[in-house]
Structure formats: C-alpha cells, structure tokens
Amino acid sequence: IEEVPIYPWNVPEKIWERVHIDLAGPVNGSMWLVGIDALSKWAEVDSLKTVPSRYRCFFVCIQLRAWFSRYGLPNEIVTANGPQFVSNEIENFFKRHAINHIKTTLYHPKSNGLVERLIRTLKKRYYSTKKEVGDGRGR
C-alpha cells in the first residue's frame, strides 16, 4: 500500500488565525477538550468529566464560545473527522461564526499533529504527577 504524502500546514500570519482542537481521553474517567493556536502554540484544556457523551457537542460549542470571547474568532478550526466534530450543532456553530472547518482524516493522528503532540504531553504529565502525588488517599 502506497502512503499518501503529508504536507505541512502553512504558518498563520496572526495569532488565533488557525486553531487545532480534539478530544482526549478518557483520562481518569474524563475527556478533555484540547485546543492549540497554530502560531503562538497557546493551549486551552477543559475537562468534560461531568458531561455525558450525548451532550459533548453542546459542551464543545459552549467551551469554544468561552475561548472565542477571550481570543476572538479564528479563521479556521482543524478537527478530526469524529462524530463530536461533524454534528449539525458544531457545523452550524462554525457557519454562524464564519469559521472554516477543516476536518482531518479519521484515525490518522499525524494530520492534526499539533494537537496530538499536545495531548501526548498532557497525558504524560498528568500520569507522572498522579504517580508522584498518589491517589490522594495517603498511599
């Protein structure tokens, strides 16, 4: 099987022009919404611990609104092609805000490597901290 070449992303001209987002987990019973700005590498992480899976797309919209209120609207958002990012709610949300939604190939983490590397780093630090601190029960 011949591999399809991977092309690098263009470098954005301004901060928060292109944002890469994904869901990570489960990690200790919760999912994380993770986003990273393509230029500054500024990261945002929010826990979905108490959000049932059927409501995740609504939570994603709520969290993105919070991020946008702090940093402004991006021109592009890059996501995996998973169900939480291709729902009608998400697609309508992006259209209402004139955001170009770029969907990467499902099960191909390299295509959204910026956020995937961040997730790997977050998980590594989370588990190493948990190991150092313990489970909180004095063990």
N, C-alpha and C. Protein backbone atom coordinates (compact mmCIF):
# COMPACT_ATOMS: atom_id res chain seq x y z
N ILE A 1 0.85 -1.18 0.00
CA ILE A 1 0.00 0.00 0.00
C ILE A 1 0.89 1.24 0.00
N GLU A 2 0.61 2.13 -0.91
CA GLU A 2 1.39 3.36 -1.03
C GLU A 2 0.89 4.42 -0.05
N GLU A 3 1.81 5.04 0.66
CA GLU A 3 1.44 6.09 1.61
C GLU A 3 1.20 7.40 0.88
N VAL A 4 0.20 8.12 1.33
CA VAL A 4 -0.09 9.44 0.79
C VAL A 4 0.86 10.43 1.46
N PRO A 5 1.48 11.32 0.68
CA PRO A 5 2.41 12.27 1.30
C PRO A 5 1.69 13.22 2.25
N ILE A 6 2.39 13.63 3.29
CA ILE A 6 1.84 14.59 4.25
C ILE A 6 2.46 15.95 3.94
N TYR A 7 1.61 16.94 3.79
CA TYR A 7 2.07 18.29 3.51
C TYR A 7 1.98 19.13 4.78
N PRO A 8 3.00 19.94 5.03
CA PRO A 8 2.96 20.76 6.25
C PRO A 8 1.91 21.86 6.14
N TRP A 9 1.41 22.28 7.30
CA TRP A 9 0.47 23.39 7.35
C TRP A 9 1.21 24.69 7.07
N ASN A 10 0.53 25.63 6.42
CA ASN A 10 1.09 26.98 6.27
C ASN A 10 1.15 27.65 7.64
N VAL A 11 2.15 28.48 7.83
CA VAL A 11 2.27 29.22 9.09
C VAL A 11 1.28 30.39 9.05
N PRO A 12 0.40 30.48 10.05
CA PRO A 12 -0.57 31.59 10.06
C PRO A 12 0.15 32.93 10.21
N GLU A 13 -0.51 33.98 9.74
CA GLU A 13 0.07 35.32 9.84
C GLU A 13 -0.21 35.98 11.18
N LYS A 14 -1.27 35.55 11.85
CA LYS A 14 -1.59 36.18 13.13
C LYS A 14 -2.04 35.12 14.14
N ILE A 15 -1.97 35.51 15.40
CA ILE A 15 -2.37 34.62 16.49
C ILE A 15 -3.86 34.33 16.40
N TRP A 16 -4.22 33.09 16.70
CA TRP A 16 -5.60 32.62 16.74
C TRP A 16 -6.26 32.62 15.37
N GLU A 17 -5.46 32.61 14.30
CA GLU A 17 -6.00 32.53 12.94
C GLU A 17 -6.44 31.09 12.64
N ARG A 18 -5.61 30.13 13.07
CA ARG A 18 -5.96 28.71 12.90
C ARG A 18 -5.77 28.02 14.24
N VAL A 19 -6.80 27.30 14.67
CA VAL A 19 -6.78 26.59 15.95
C VAL A 19 -7.03 25.11 15.68
N HIS A 20 -6.24 24.27 16.30
CA HIS A 20 -6.39 22.82 16.19
C HIS A 20 -7.05 22.33 17.47
N ILE A 21 -8.14 21.56 17.35
CA ILE A 21 -8.81 21.04 18.55
C ILE A 21 -9.06 19.55 18.42
N ASP A 22 -9.19 18.90 19.58
CA ASP A 22 -9.50 17.47 19.62
C ASP A 22 -10.00 17.13 21.02
N LEU A 23 -10.58 15.96 21.13
CA LEU A 23 -10.95 15.41 22.44
C LEU A 23 -9.91 14.38 22.82
N ALA A 24 -9.50 14.39 24.07
CA ALA A 24 -8.51 13.44 24.58
C ALA A 24 -9.13 12.63 25.70
N GLY A 25 -8.77 11.37 25.75
CA GLY A 25 -9.23 10.56 26.87
C GLY A 25 -9.88 9.27 26.42
N PRO A 26 -10.50 8.60 27.34
CA PRO A 26 -10.69 9.03 28.72
C PRO A 26 -9.40 8.96 29.54
N VAL A 27 -9.24 9.95 30.39
CA VAL A 27 -8.12 10.02 31.32
C VAL A 27 -8.73 10.11 32.71
N ASN A 28 -8.56 9.07 33.49
CA ASN A 28 -9.11 9.02 34.84
C ASN A 28 -10.61 9.33 34.85
N GLY A 29 -11.31 8.79 33.88
CA GLY A 29 -12.76 8.94 33.84
C GLY A 29 -13.29 10.19 33.18
N SER A 30 -12.41 11.03 32.65
CA SER A 30 -12.92 12.23 31.99
C SER A 30 -12.29 12.41 30.62
N MET A 31 -13.00 13.14 29.78
CA MET A 31 -12.49 13.52 28.47
C MET A 31 -12.04 14.97 28.58
N TRP A 32 -11.07 15.34 27.76
CA TRP A 32 -10.58 16.72 27.74
C TRP A 32 -10.82 17.31 26.36
N LEU A 33 -11.32 18.53 26.33
CA LEU A 33 -11.33 19.30 25.09
C LEU A 33 -10.02 20.07 25.07
N VAL A 34 -9.23 19.83 24.02
CA VAL A 34 -7.89 20.41 23.93
C VAL A 34 -7.81 21.25 22.66
N GLY A 35 -7.31 22.46 22.79
CA GLY A 35 -7.12 23.34 21.64
C GLY A 35 -5.76 24.00 21.70
N ILE A 36 -5.19 24.25 20.51
CA ILE A 36 -3.88 24.92 20.46
C ILE A 36 -3.84 25.85 19.26
N ASP A 37 -3.35 27.06 19.50
CA ASP A 37 -3.18 28.04 18.43
C ASP A 37 -1.98 27.65 17.58
N ALA A 38 -2.14 27.67 16.26
CA ALA A 38 -1.10 27.21 15.36
C ALA A 38 0.13 28.11 15.33
N LEU A 39 -0.02 29.39 15.65
CA LEU A 39 1.13 30.30 15.60
C LEU A 39 1.83 30.43 16.95
N SER A 40 1.10 30.78 17.98
CA SER A 40 1.71 31.02 19.30
C SER A 40 1.93 29.74 20.10
N LYS A 41 1.22 28.69 19.73
CA LYS A 41 1.22 27.40 20.46
C LYS A 41 0.56 27.53 21.83
N TRP A 42 -0.25 28.57 22.03
CA TRP A 42 -1.02 28.73 23.27
C TRP A 42 -2.06 27.62 23.33
N ALA A 43 -2.16 26.97 24.47
CA ALA A 43 -3.07 25.83 24.62
C ALA A 43 -4.20 26.15 25.58
N GLU A 44 -5.34 25.55 25.31
CA GLU A 44 -6.50 25.59 26.20
C GLU A 44 -6.94 24.15 26.43
N VAL A 45 -7.28 23.81 27.68
CA VAL A 45 -7.74 22.47 28.02
C VAL A 45 -8.91 22.60 28.98
N ASP A 46 -10.00 21.90 28.68
CA ASP A 46 -11.16 21.88 29.56
C ASP A 46 -11.63 20.45 29.75
N SER A 47 -12.01 20.11 30.97
CA SER A 47 -12.45 18.77 31.31
C SER A 47 -13.93 18.59 31.00
N LEU A 48 -14.27 17.41 30.50
CA LEU A 48 -15.66 17.05 30.23
C LEU A 48 -16.10 15.96 31.20
N LYS A 49 -15.55 15.94 32.40
CA LYS A 49 -15.79 14.86 33.34
C LYS A 49 -17.26 14.62 33.61
N THR A 50 -18.04 15.67 33.76
CA THR A 50 -19.44 15.51 34.12
C THR A 50 -20.38 15.60 32.92
N VAL A 51 -19.83 15.59 31.71
CA VAL A 51 -20.66 15.75 30.51
C VAL A 51 -20.90 14.38 29.87
N PRO A 52 -22.17 13.92 29.83
CA PRO A 52 -22.45 12.65 29.15
C PRO A 52 -22.09 12.74 27.67
N SER A 53 -21.71 11.64 27.06
CA SER A 53 -21.22 11.65 25.68
C SER A 53 -22.23 12.24 24.71
N ARG A 54 -23.52 12.05 24.95
CA ARG A 54 -24.52 12.57 24.00
C ARG A 54 -24.60 14.10 24.01
N TYR A 55 -24.03 14.74 25.04
CA TYR A 55 -24.05 16.20 25.12
C TYR A 55 -22.69 16.84 24.82
N ARG A 56 -21.71 16.05 24.41
CA ARG A 56 -20.36 16.59 24.22
C ARG A 56 -20.31 17.68 23.15
N CYS A 57 -21.08 17.51 22.07
CA CYS A 57 -21.02 18.54 21.03
C CYS A 57 -21.53 19.88 21.56
N PHE A 58 -22.53 19.87 22.44
CA PHE A 58 -23.01 21.12 23.04
C PHE A 58 -21.94 21.72 23.95
N PHE A 59 -21.26 20.87 24.72
CA PHE A 59 -20.19 21.35 25.59
C PHE A 59 -19.07 21.95 24.76
N VAL A 60 -18.73 21.30 23.66
CA VAL A 60 -17.68 21.82 22.79
C VAL A 60 -18.05 23.24 22.33
N CYS A 61 -19.29 23.43 21.90
CA CYS A 61 -19.74 24.77 21.47
C CYS A 61 -19.64 25.78 22.61
N ILE A 62 -20.06 25.39 23.80
CA ILE A 62 -20.01 26.30 24.95
C ILE A 62 -18.56 26.68 25.26
N GLN A 63 -17.66 25.69 25.26
CA GLN A 63 -16.25 25.99 25.56
C GLN A 63 -15.61 26.82 24.47
N LEU A 64 -15.95 26.53 23.21
CA LEU A 64 -15.39 27.33 22.13
C LEU A 64 -15.84 28.78 22.24
N ARG A 65 -17.10 29.00 22.63
CA ARG A 65 -17.57 30.37 22.85
C ARG A 65 -16.73 31.07 23.92
N ALA A 66 -16.42 30.35 24.99
CA ALA A 66 -15.59 30.93 26.06
C ALA A 66 -14.20 31.26 25.52
N TRP A 67 -13.62 30.35 24.74
CA TRP A 67 -12.30 30.62 24.17
C TRP A 67 -12.36 31.83 23.24
N PHE A 68 -13.40 31.88 22.39
CA PHE A 68 -13.52 32.97 21.42
C PHE A 68 -13.74 34.31 22.12
N SER A 69 -14.42 34.29 23.26
CA SER A 69 -14.63 35.55 23.99
C SER A 69 -13.31 36.10 24.52
N ARG A 70 -12.34 35.21 24.76
CA ARG A 70 -11.03 35.65 25.25
C ARG A 70 -10.08 36.04 24.12
N TYR A 71 -10.13 35.30 23.00
CA TYR A 71 -9.10 35.45 21.97
C TYR A 71 -9.63 35.92 20.62
N GLY A 72 -10.93 35.97 20.45
CA GLY A 72 -11.51 36.32 19.16
C GLY A 72 -11.79 35.08 18.33
N LEU A 73 -12.45 35.28 17.20
CA LEU A 73 -12.81 34.17 16.33
C LEU A 73 -11.64 33.78 15.43
N PRO A 74 -11.34 32.50 15.33
CA PRO A 74 -10.32 32.07 14.38
C PRO A 74 -10.90 32.05 12.96
N ASN A 75 -10.03 32.09 11.97
CA ASN A 75 -10.49 31.91 10.59
C ASN A 75 -10.75 30.43 10.30
N GLU A 76 -9.92 29.57 10.91
CA GLU A 76 -10.01 28.13 10.66
C GLU A 76 -9.92 27.35 11.96
N ILE A 77 -10.67 26.26 12.00
CA ILE A 77 -10.54 25.29 13.09
C ILE A 77 -10.28 23.94 12.44
N VAL A 78 -9.25 23.27 12.92
CA VAL A 78 -8.89 21.95 12.42
C VAL A 78 -9.29 20.92 13.46
N THR A 79 -10.07 19.93 13.04
CA THR A 79 -10.51 18.86 13.94
C THR A 79 -10.35 17.52 13.25
N ALA A 80 -10.46 16.47 14.05
CA ALA A 80 -10.59 15.12 13.50
C ALA A 80 -11.98 15.04 12.87
N ASN A 81 -12.22 14.00 12.14
CA ASN A 81 -13.49 13.82 11.45
C ASN A 81 -14.44 12.98 12.30
N GLY A 82 -14.26 13.02 13.61
CA GLY A 82 -15.08 12.22 14.53
C GLY A 82 -16.47 12.79 14.72
N PRO A 83 -17.37 11.99 15.29
CA PRO A 83 -18.77 12.40 15.43
C PRO A 83 -18.98 13.66 16.26
N GLN A 84 -18.15 13.89 17.26
CA GLN A 84 -18.33 15.08 18.10
C GLN A 84 -17.99 16.37 17.36
N PHE A 85 -17.29 16.27 16.22
CA PHE A 85 -16.92 17.47 15.47
C PHE A 85 -17.62 17.60 14.12
N VAL A 86 -18.46 16.64 13.77
CA VAL A 86 -19.19 16.75 12.50
C VAL A 86 -20.70 16.76 12.72
N SER A 87 -21.12 16.99 13.94
CA SER A 87 -22.56 17.05 14.24
C SER A 87 -23.15 18.32 13.63
N ASN A 88 -24.46 18.32 13.45
CA ASN A 88 -25.15 19.50 12.93
C ASN A 88 -24.91 20.71 13.82
N GLU A 89 -24.90 20.49 15.14
CA GLU A 89 -24.70 21.60 16.07
C GLU A 89 -23.35 22.28 15.85
N ILE A 90 -22.32 21.46 15.73
CA ILE A 90 -20.97 22.01 15.53
C ILE A 90 -20.86 22.70 14.17
N GLU A 91 -21.34 22.02 13.12
CA GLU A 91 -21.27 22.60 11.77
C GLU A 91 -22.01 23.93 11.71
N ASN A 92 -23.21 23.99 12.30
CA ASN A 92 -23.98 25.25 12.32
C ASN A 92 -23.27 26.32 13.13
N PHE A 93 -22.67 25.92 14.24
CA PHE A 93 -21.91 26.85 15.07
C PHE A 93 -20.78 27.49 14.27
N PHE A 94 -20.02 26.67 13.54
CA PHE A 94 -18.92 27.20 12.74
C PHE A 94 -19.44 28.10 11.62
N LYS A 95 -20.52 27.69 10.96
CA LYS A 95 -21.09 28.51 9.88
C LYS A 95 -21.57 29.86 10.40
N ARG A 96 -22.26 29.86 11.55
CA ARG A 96 -22.76 31.12 12.13
C ARG A 96 -21.62 32.09 12.43
N HIS A 97 -20.47 31.55 12.77
CA HIS A 97 -19.33 32.39 13.12
C HIS A 97 -18.33 32.55 11.97
N ALA A 98 -18.71 32.10 10.77
CA ALA A 98 -17.88 32.21 9.56
C ALA A 98 -16.48 31.62 9.76
N ILE A 99 -16.44 30.44 10.39
CA ILE A 99 -15.18 29.74 10.64
C ILE A 99 -15.08 28.59 9.65
N ASN A 100 -13.96 28.53 8.93
CA ASN A 100 -13.71 27.43 8.01
C ASN A 100 -13.33 26.19 8.83
N HIS A 101 -14.13 25.14 8.71
CA HIS A 101 -13.90 23.90 9.48
C HIS A 101 -13.13 22.92 8.60
N ILE A 102 -11.90 22.65 8.97
CA ILE A 102 -11.06 21.70 8.25
C ILE A 102 -11.06 20.39 9.02
N LYS A 103 -11.53 19.32 8.36
CA LYS A 103 -11.60 18.01 9.01
C LYS A 103 -10.46 17.14 8.50
N THR A 104 -9.69 16.59 9.44
CA THR A 104 -8.58 15.73 9.06
C THR A 104 -9.07 14.29 8.93
N THR A 105 -8.21 13.46 8.40
CA THR A 105 -8.53 12.06 8.22
C THR A 105 -8.71 11.37 9.56
N LEU A 106 -9.81 10.65 9.69
CA LEU A 106 -10.10 9.91 10.91
C LEU A 106 -9.05 8.81 11.11
N TYR A 107 -8.63 8.61 12.34
CA TYR A 107 -7.64 7.60 12.72
C TYR A 107 -6.27 7.85 12.06
N HIS A 108 -5.98 9.09 11.76
CA HIS A 108 -4.67 9.44 11.21
C HIS A 108 -4.14 10.65 11.99
N PRO A 109 -3.60 10.40 13.20
CA PRO A 109 -3.22 11.49 14.10
C PRO A 109 -2.20 12.47 13.52
N LYS A 110 -1.36 12.01 12.59
CA LYS A 110 -0.36 12.91 12.03
C LYS A 110 -0.99 14.11 11.32
N SER A 111 -2.19 13.93 10.80
CA SER A 111 -2.81 15.01 10.04
C SER A 111 -3.24 16.17 10.94
N ASN A 112 -3.36 15.94 12.23
CA ASN A 112 -3.64 17.01 13.19
C ASN A 112 -2.58 16.93 14.30
N GLY A 113 -1.34 16.81 13.85
CA GLY A 113 -0.22 16.53 14.75
C GLY A 113 0.01 17.54 15.85
N LEU A 114 -0.29 18.81 15.59
CA LEU A 114 -0.05 19.85 16.59
C LEU A 114 -0.81 19.55 17.88
N VAL A 115 -2.10 19.28 17.75
CA VAL A 115 -2.91 19.00 18.94
C VAL A 115 -2.62 17.59 19.48
N GLU A 116 -2.30 16.66 18.61
CA GLU A 116 -1.99 15.30 19.06
C GLU A 116 -0.73 15.27 19.93
N ARG A 117 0.29 16.05 19.55
CA ARG A 117 1.51 16.14 20.38
C ARG A 117 1.20 16.77 21.73
N LEU A 118 0.35 17.79 21.71
CA LEU A 118 -0.04 18.43 22.97
C LEU A 118 -0.76 17.42 23.87
N ILE A 119 -1.66 16.64 23.31
CA ILE A 119 -2.40 15.65 24.09
C ILE A 119 -1.43 14.63 24.69
N ARG A 120 -0.49 14.18 23.90
CA ARG A 120 0.51 13.21 24.40
C ARG A 120 1.28 13.80 25.58
N THR A 121 1.70 15.06 25.46
CA THR A 121 2.42 15.74 26.54
C THR A 121 1.55 15.89 27.79
N LEU A 122 0.30 16.30 27.60
CA LEU A 122 -0.62 16.47 28.74
C LEU A 122 -0.83 15.16 29.48
N LYS A 123 -1.06 14.08 28.74
CA LYS A 123 -1.28 12.77 29.37
C LYS A 123 -0.03 12.32 30.14
N LYS A 124 1.13 12.51 29.52
CA LYS A 124 2.38 12.11 30.17
C LYS A 124 2.56 12.87 31.49
N ARG A 125 2.34 14.18 31.46
CA ARG A 125 2.49 14.98 32.67
C ARG A 125 1.42 14.64 33.70
N TYR A 126 0.21 14.40 33.25
CA TYR A 126 -0.88 14.04 34.17
C TYR A 126 -0.53 12.76 34.91
N TYR A 127 -0.14 11.72 34.17
CA TYR A 127 0.15 10.44 34.81
C TYR A 127 1.40 10.49 35.67
N SER A 128 2.42 11.27 35.26
CA SER A 128 3.62 11.36 36.10
C SER A 128 3.32 12.13 37.39
N THR A 129 2.48 13.16 37.31
CA THR A 129 2.08 13.90 38.52
C THR A 129 1.25 13.02 39.43
N LYS A 130 0.34 12.27 38.84
CA LYS A 130 -0.52 11.38 39.64
C LYS A 130 0.34 10.33 40.35
N LYS A 131 1.36 9.84 39.66
CA LYS A 131 2.25 8.85 40.26
C LYS A 131 3.04 9.46 41.43
N GLU A 132 3.51 10.70 41.25
CA GLU A 132 4.28 11.37 42.30
C GLU A 132 3.41 11.71 43.51
N VAL A 133 2.21 12.21 43.26
CA VAL A 133 1.32 12.67 44.33
C VAL A 133 0.57 11.51 44.96
N GLY A 134 0.28 10.48 44.18
CA GLY A 134 -0.52 9.36 44.68
C GLY A 134 -1.98 9.56 44.36
N ASP A 135 -2.79 8.73 44.93
CA ASP A 135 -4.22 8.79 44.62
C ASP A 135 -5.00 9.66 45.58
N GLY A 136 -4.32 10.39 46.45
CA GLY A 136 -4.99 11.31 47.37
C GLY A 136 -5.53 10.65 48.62
N ARG A 137 -5.25 9.36 48.80
CA ARG A 137 -5.75 8.65 49.98
C ARG A 137 -4.61 8.27 50.93
N GLY A 138 -3.48 8.96 50.78
CA GLY A 138 -2.36 8.72 51.70
C GLY A 138 -1.57 7.47 51.40
N ARG A 139 -1.65 6.98 50.19
CA ARG A 139 -0.91 5.76 49.83
C ARG A 139 0.32 6.07 49.03
